[in-house]
Amino acid sequence: MSATIYSTHKLHPRAEDILRSAGNLVIASALIDEVLIEEGRKADVIIVRAPLPPVLFDDAPKLRAAIRHGAGIDMIPFEEATRAGVLIANVPGANARTVAEHVLMMSMMLLRRFRIVDSDLRSKGWLAGREHSNDGHDIGGRTLGIVGFGNVGAALAEMARNGFGMNVIAHNRSPKPAPGVEFLALDELITRADIVVLCCPLTPETRGLIDARRIGLMKPGALIVNVSRGPVIVDDALLAALREGRIGGAALDVFAEQPLPPESPYFGFPNVIITPHMAGITDESMMRMGVGAAEEAVSILRGDLPHNLRNPDVVEHYRQRFPQK
């Protein structure tokens, strides 16, 4: 009987071709819990681009694996999947350079006051836009503080140093050697950085990491860029700093509530750039993530363990459910 591969979203055509060669590819008919539960329970493998309901794993006898289309596995209920004997895998690094490019683009737009220049040029004319010329700043020579030095952080450090001549400092739970990167305690990093970039995973330790006290440590005029997860920042603290003009601005790709409500106060600041959780998404990165997830799915259906297994403690239970042939 052909395997069923269930995806919460359509995938890059190359990825879909790989999956269809391995089984029956089914795309979720709606992204609501009831539908994901009903359709997902029938699958052998799930490709994950939307949060899965924890109860899906209570009664999914065929389900071998939930594979994250990307790096962050917070969309997969870790404890419930592991308890059910389901493998969790991801595709780390596939969009790291894409996210790093986004961070640098957002940083330069904030430094050059792009939003207000563009707005005044369109509404008031050429000279009104040019009035902001002397208010812009170069990115070269500035100090970039990277919080979370995984694949994204490493790619960002390399681009910032070699491409833009930036000074790079970083904070990571387990510091790892990197050319030209100085690892610091978090508070010292925030105190020294001109641009603070959040690219750490969301964990109990990082939830609320950037609170009022730490925002208070930022230099006047410093910028913050979040490509991590929304809850890493305490929104009330960041909003207060923006209202009071204590920091230079923010670029936010992720939020505690997504989609971000239209009435969010973040929309009211000319020095805040908002993007809809798309820092890691381009045609090229979607191909890399999709093909990576598809190859993991094929490997699992063949009887192998995934290359990027995130819950290794599950293997014994998994092999009891699906003995090796």
Protein backbone atom coordinates (compact mmCIF):
# COMPACT_ATOMS: atom_id res chain seq x y z
CA MET A 1 0.00 0.00 0.00
CA SER A 2 1.34 3.41 -1.01
CA ALA A 3 2.53 5.69 1.79
CA THR A 4 0.65 8.92 2.49
CA ILE A 5 2.75 12.05 2.83
CA TYR A 6 0.73 14.93 4.25
CA SER A 7 1.89 18.53 3.97
CA THR A 8 0.32 21.50 5.70
CA HIS A 9 1.15 23.64 2.64
CA LYS A 10 2.01 23.30 -1.01
CA LEU A 11 5.72 22.78 -1.53
CA HIS A 12 8.29 23.73 -4.13
CA PRO A 13 7.63 21.76 -7.35
CA ARG A 14 10.93 19.88 -7.03
CA ALA A 15 9.99 18.76 -3.53
CA GLU A 16 6.53 17.68 -4.62
CA ASP A 17 8.01 15.63 -7.45
CA ILE A 18 10.29 13.79 -5.00
CA LEU A 19 7.41 13.06 -2.63
CA ARG A 20 5.02 11.90 -5.35
CA SER A 21 7.64 9.42 -6.49
CA ALA A 22 7.61 7.95 -2.95
CA GLY A 23 3.89 7.89 -2.22
CA ASN A 24 0.61 9.76 -2.24
CA LEU A 25 1.13 13.47 -1.51
CA VAL A 26 -1.83 15.14 0.21
CA ILE A 27 -1.97 18.90 0.87
CA ALA A 28 -4.02 20.09 3.85
CA SER A 29 -7.45 21.27 2.76
CA ALA A 30 -7.54 23.90 5.54
CA LEU A 31 -5.23 25.12 8.28
CA ILE A 32 -7.60 24.63 11.19
CA ASP A 33 -7.10 22.15 14.01
CA GLU A 34 -10.05 19.93 13.17
CA VAL A 35 -8.88 19.45 9.59
CA LEU A 36 -5.22 18.96 10.48
CA ILE A 37 -6.19 16.33 13.06
CA GLU A 38 -8.54 14.43 10.78
CA GLU A 39 -6.27 14.47 7.73
CA GLY A 40 -2.94 14.22 9.57
CA ARG A 41 -3.90 11.07 11.49
CA LYS A 42 -4.06 9.14 8.23
CA ALA A 43 -0.51 10.04 7.19
CA ASP A 44 2.74 8.13 7.30
CA VAL A 45 4.79 11.34 7.30
CA ILE A 46 3.80 14.98 7.85
CA ILE A 47 5.69 17.93 6.36
CA VAL A 48 5.17 20.81 8.77
CA ARG A 49 4.81 24.50 7.89
CA ALA A 50 2.00 25.30 10.35
CA PRO A 51 1.52 24.48 14.05
CA LEU A 52 0.24 20.93 14.59
CA PRO A 53 -2.44 20.31 17.24
CA PRO A 54 -0.99 18.19 20.07
CA VAL A 55 -3.97 15.82 20.05
CA LEU A 56 -3.12 14.78 16.48
CA PHE A 57 -0.53 12.41 17.97
CA ASP A 58 -3.01 10.68 20.29
CA ASP A 59 -4.41 8.48 17.53
CA ALA A 60 -2.14 8.36 14.48
CA PRO A 61 -1.16 4.69 14.18
CA LYS A 62 0.61 5.02 10.80
CA LEU A 63 2.49 8.22 11.57
CA ARG A 64 6.24 7.75 11.42
CA ALA A 65 7.55 11.31 11.42
CA ALA A 66 6.81 15.01 11.55
CA ILE A 67 9.38 16.87 9.46
CA ARG A 68 9.75 20.61 9.84
CA HIS A 69 10.04 22.48 6.56
CA GLY A 70 12.85 24.67 7.89
CA ALA A 71 14.78 24.88 11.14
CA GLY A 72 12.56 25.89 14.07
CA ILE A 73 10.65 22.91 15.49
CA ASP A 74 8.31 24.88 17.76
CA MET A 75 5.43 24.09 15.37
CA ILE A 76 5.70 20.40 16.31
CA PRO A 77 4.43 19.39 19.79
CA PHE A 78 7.68 17.83 20.97
CA GLU A 79 6.49 15.91 24.03
CA GLU A 80 3.33 14.56 22.40
CA ALA A 81 5.15 13.41 19.28
CA THR A 82 7.93 11.74 21.27
CA ARG A 83 5.46 10.05 23.60
CA ALA A 84 3.65 8.66 20.56
CA GLY A 85 6.87 7.23 19.12
CA VAL A 86 6.99 9.71 16.24
CA LEU A 87 10.29 10.96 14.83
CA ILE A 88 10.85 14.72 14.68
CA ALA A 89 13.21 16.05 12.02
CA ASN A 90 14.02 19.40 10.47
CA VAL A 91 16.10 21.00 7.72
CA PRO A 92 18.58 23.26 9.53
CA GLY A 93 20.67 25.69 7.55
CA ALA A 94 18.66 25.52 4.32
CA ASN A 95 17.54 29.13 4.62
CA ALA A 96 20.33 30.49 6.83
CA ARG A 97 21.87 32.77 4.21
CA THR A 98 18.41 33.91 3.13
CA VAL A 99 17.62 35.04 6.68
CA ALA A 100 21.05 36.66 7.01
CA GLU A 101 20.47 38.67 3.83
CA HIS A 102 17.11 39.81 5.21
CA VAL A 103 18.72 40.99 8.47
CA LEU A 104 21.29 43.08 6.63
CA MET A 105 18.67 44.53 4.28
CA MET A 106 16.43 45.52 7.20
CA SER A 107 19.37 47.00 9.10
CA MET A 108 20.37 49.18 6.16
CA MET A 109 16.78 50.30 5.59
CA LEU A 110 16.57 51.42 9.22
CA LEU A 111 19.96 53.11 9.13
CA ARG A 112 19.04 54.99 5.94
CA ARG A 113 15.51 55.78 7.22
CA PHE A 114 14.03 54.16 4.14
CA ARG A 115 10.40 54.16 5.26
CA ILE A 116 10.21 57.88 5.95
CA VAL A 117 12.27 58.82 2.89
CA ASP A 118 10.03 56.73 0.64
CA SER A 119 6.85 58.07 2.27
CA ASP A 120 7.87 61.74 2.02
CA LEU A 121 9.12 61.33 -1.54
CA ARG A 122 5.80 59.83 -2.63
CA SER A 123 3.55 62.22 -0.69
CA LYS A 124 5.51 65.50 -0.67
CA GLY A 125 7.96 65.26 -3.56
CA TRP A 126 11.63 64.94 -4.38
CA LEU A 127 13.04 67.62 -2.11
CA ALA A 128 11.06 66.37 0.89
CA GLY A 129 12.63 62.96 0.46
CA ARG A 130 16.13 64.42 0.10
CA GLU A 131 15.76 66.34 3.36
CA HIS A 132 16.50 63.09 5.19
CA SER A 133 19.79 62.48 3.37
CA ASN A 134 22.06 63.66 6.18
CA ASP A 135 20.15 61.60 8.76
CA GLY A 136 21.22 58.28 7.26
CA HIS A 137 24.11 56.15 8.45
CA ASP A 138 26.54 53.63 6.94
CA ILE A 139 26.42 50.04 8.12
CA GLY A 140 30.18 49.55 7.70
CA GLY A 141 32.16 49.85 10.90
CA ARG A 142 29.13 49.36 13.14
CA THR A 143 28.96 46.68 15.80
CA LEU A 144 26.56 43.84 15.11
CA GLY A 145 25.43 41.84 18.15
CA ILE A 146 24.12 38.38 17.27
CA VAL A 147 22.02 36.57 19.88
CA GLY A 148 22.00 32.88 18.94
CA PHE A 149 24.95 31.62 16.91
CA GLY A 150 23.48 28.73 14.97
CA ASN A 151 23.38 28.45 11.19
CA VAL A 152 21.73 31.85 10.74
CA GLY A 153 24.04 33.58 13.19
CA ALA A 154 27.14 32.10 11.58
CA ALA A 155 26.01 33.06 8.07
CA LEU A 156 25.16 36.57 9.25
CA ALA A 157 28.53 37.01 10.95
CA GLU A 158 30.40 35.97 7.80
CA MET A 159 28.39 38.34 5.58
CA ALA A 160 28.61 41.25 8.01
CA ARG A 161 32.37 40.96 8.53
CA ASN A 162 33.49 40.12 5.02
CA GLY A 163 30.82 41.94 3.04
CA PHE A 164 30.30 45.11 5.06
CA GLY A 165 33.29 45.50 7.35
CA MET A 166 31.23 45.27 10.52
CA ASN A 167 32.50 44.38 13.97
CA VAL A 168 30.72 41.22 15.11
CA ILE A 169 30.00 40.18 18.68
CA ALA A 170 27.82 37.24 19.63
CA HIS A 171 26.12 35.46 22.49
CA ASN A 172 25.40 31.75 22.43
CA ARG A 173 24.55 29.22 25.10
CA SER A 174 27.58 27.19 24.01
CA PRO A 175 30.13 29.56 22.41
CA LYS A 176 31.79 28.11 19.33
CA PRO A 177 34.97 29.46 17.70
CA ALA A 178 34.31 31.69 14.70
CA PRO A 179 36.84 33.87 12.86
CA GLY A 180 36.67 37.48 14.00
CA VAL A 181 33.70 36.97 16.33
CA GLU A 182 33.92 37.89 20.01
CA PHE A 183 31.58 35.96 22.31
CA LEU A 184 30.15 37.91 25.24
CA ALA A 185 27.64 37.64 28.04
CA LEU A 186 24.23 38.80 26.82
CA ASP A 187 24.07 42.00 28.85
CA GLU A 188 27.50 43.12 27.66
CA LEU A 189 26.57 42.37 24.04
CA ILE A 190 23.42 44.48 24.29
CA THR A 191 25.38 47.33 25.86
CA ARG A 192 27.98 47.37 23.07
CA ALA A 193 25.95 46.59 19.93
CA ASP A 194 24.72 49.17 17.44
CA ILE A 195 22.39 46.53 16.01
CA VAL A 196 21.04 43.67 18.15
CA VAL A 197 19.89 40.70 16.07
CA LEU A 198 17.80 37.93 17.61
CA CYS A 199 18.17 34.59 15.82
CA CYS A 200 17.96 32.20 18.76
CA PRO A 201 15.37 29.41 19.04
CA LEU A 202 12.31 29.88 21.21
CA THR A 203 12.80 27.87 24.40
CA PRO A 204 11.65 28.33 28.00
CA GLU A 205 14.99 30.11 28.59
CA THR A 206 14.66 32.53 25.66
CA ARG A 207 10.98 33.40 26.13
CA GLY A 208 10.95 37.02 27.34
CA LEU A 209 14.74 37.21 26.99
CA ILE A 210 14.64 40.80 25.73
CA ASP A 211 12.73 42.52 28.51
CA ALA A 212 12.56 46.09 29.82
CA ARG A 213 15.82 45.78 31.73
CA ARG A 214 17.77 44.53 28.73
CA ILE A 215 16.20 47.03 26.33
CA GLY A 216 17.29 49.67 28.83
CA LEU A 217 20.89 48.54 28.28
CA MET A 218 20.79 49.34 24.56
CA LYS A 219 22.69 52.35 23.25
CA PRO A 220 20.58 55.40 22.40
CA GLY A 221 19.79 55.03 18.71
CA ALA A 222 20.61 51.31 18.60
CA LEU A 223 18.46 49.02 16.45
CA ILE A 224 16.89 45.64 17.16
CA VAL A 225 16.09 43.04 14.49
CA ASN A 226 14.03 39.96 15.37
CA VAL A 227 14.11 36.93 13.07
CA SER A 228 13.81 34.49 15.98
CA ARG A 229 10.30 34.13 17.40
CA GLY A 230 7.99 36.85 18.67
CA PRO A 231 7.88 35.84 22.34
CA VAL A 232 11.65 36.30 22.68
CA ILE A 233 10.84 40.03 23.03
CA VAL A 234 8.54 41.47 25.69
CA ASP A 235 6.32 43.61 23.46
CA ASP A 236 5.30 46.14 26.10
CA ALA A 237 8.94 46.85 26.86
CA LEU A 238 9.89 47.34 23.22
CA LEU A 239 6.84 49.51 22.53
CA ALA A 240 7.68 51.72 25.50
CA ALA A 241 11.25 52.19 24.26
CA LEU A 242 9.99 53.11 20.79
CA ARG A 243 7.42 55.58 22.12
CA GLU A 244 10.03 57.26 24.29
CA GLY A 245 12.61 57.39 21.48
CA ARG A 246 15.16 55.47 23.54
CA ILE A 247 16.22 53.27 20.60
CA GLY A 248 16.65 54.00 16.93
CA GLY A 249 14.14 51.52 15.56
CA ALA A 250 13.22 47.90 15.03
CA ALA A 251 12.73 45.41 12.21
CA LEU A 252 10.33 42.66 13.22
CA ASP A 253 9.59 39.55 11.17
CA VAL A 254 7.99 37.49 13.94
CA PHE A 255 5.39 38.22 16.59
CA ALA A 256 3.79 36.68 19.65
CA GLU A 257 0.47 36.76 17.79
CA GLN A 258 0.48 35.85 14.11
CA PRO A 259 -0.95 37.16 11.88
CA LEU A 260 -0.15 40.50 13.52
CA PRO A 261 -3.50 42.27 14.16
CA PRO A 262 -4.03 45.39 12.00
CA GLU A 263 -4.50 47.45 15.16
CA SER A 264 -1.05 46.55 16.49
CA PRO A 265 0.75 49.67 17.74
CA TYR A 266 3.86 48.55 15.86
CA PHE A 267 2.26 49.79 12.65
CA GLY A 268 2.26 53.35 14.01
CA PHE A 269 6.04 53.84 14.14
CA PRO A 270 7.90 55.17 11.08
CA ASN A 271 11.11 53.62 12.43
CA VAL A 272 9.66 50.11 12.64
CA ILE A 273 9.75 47.78 9.63
CA ILE A 274 7.29 44.89 9.76
CA THR A 275 7.46 41.80 7.58
CA PRO A 276 5.02 38.85 7.74
CA HIS A 277 7.36 36.05 8.92
CA MET A 278 9.12 35.83 5.58
CA ALA A 279 12.78 36.47 6.41
CA GLY A 280 13.72 32.94 5.38
CA ILE A 281 11.46 32.65 2.35
CA THR A 282 12.61 33.08 -1.24
CA ASP A 283 12.13 30.83 -4.23
CA GLU A 284 15.62 29.47 -3.72
CA SER A 285 15.26 28.82 0.00
CA MET A 286 11.86 27.21 -0.50
CA MET A 287 13.46 24.83 -2.96
CA ARG A 288 16.26 23.97 -0.52
CA MET A 289 13.91 23.51 2.45
CA GLY A 290 11.33 21.58 0.45
CA VAL A 291 13.84 19.23 -1.16
CA GLY A 292 15.57 18.72 2.20
CA ALA A 293 12.30 17.82 3.90
CA ALA A 294 11.29 15.57 1.00
CA GLU A 295 14.60 13.69 1.09
CA GLU A 296 14.20 13.12 4.83
CA ALA A 297 10.68 11.78 4.21
CA VAL A 298 11.90 9.37 1.54
CA SER A 299 14.69 8.17 3.82
CA ILE A 300 12.23 7.50 6.66
CA LEU A 301 9.80 5.65 4.41
CA ARG A 302 12.73 3.52 3.25
CA GLY A 303 13.28 2.45 6.86
CA ASP A 304 16.18 4.72 7.77
CA LEU A 305 16.35 7.33 10.51
CA PRO A 306 16.37 10.97 9.41
CA HIS A 307 19.68 12.73 9.02
CA ASN A 308 18.51 15.60 11.25
CA LEU A 309 16.72 13.72 14.03
CA ARG A 310 15.68 16.11 16.79
CA ASN A 311 14.29 13.64 19.36
CA PRO A 312 16.83 10.77 19.46
CA ASP A 313 15.31 9.39 22.67
CA VAL A 314 12.32 8.25 20.61
CA VAL A 315 14.25 5.71 18.53
CA GLU A 316 13.63 2.66 20.72
CA HIS A 317 9.86 3.33 20.85
CA TYR A 318 9.84 4.09 17.13
CA ARG A 319 11.56 0.79 16.29
CA GLN A 320 8.98 -1.05 18.37
CA ARG A 321 6.26 0.56 16.27
CA PHE A 322 8.08 0.09 12.96
CA PRO A 323 10.60 -2.78 13.21
CA GLN A 324 13.46 -2.75 10.73
CA LYS A 325 13.01 -5.22 7.91
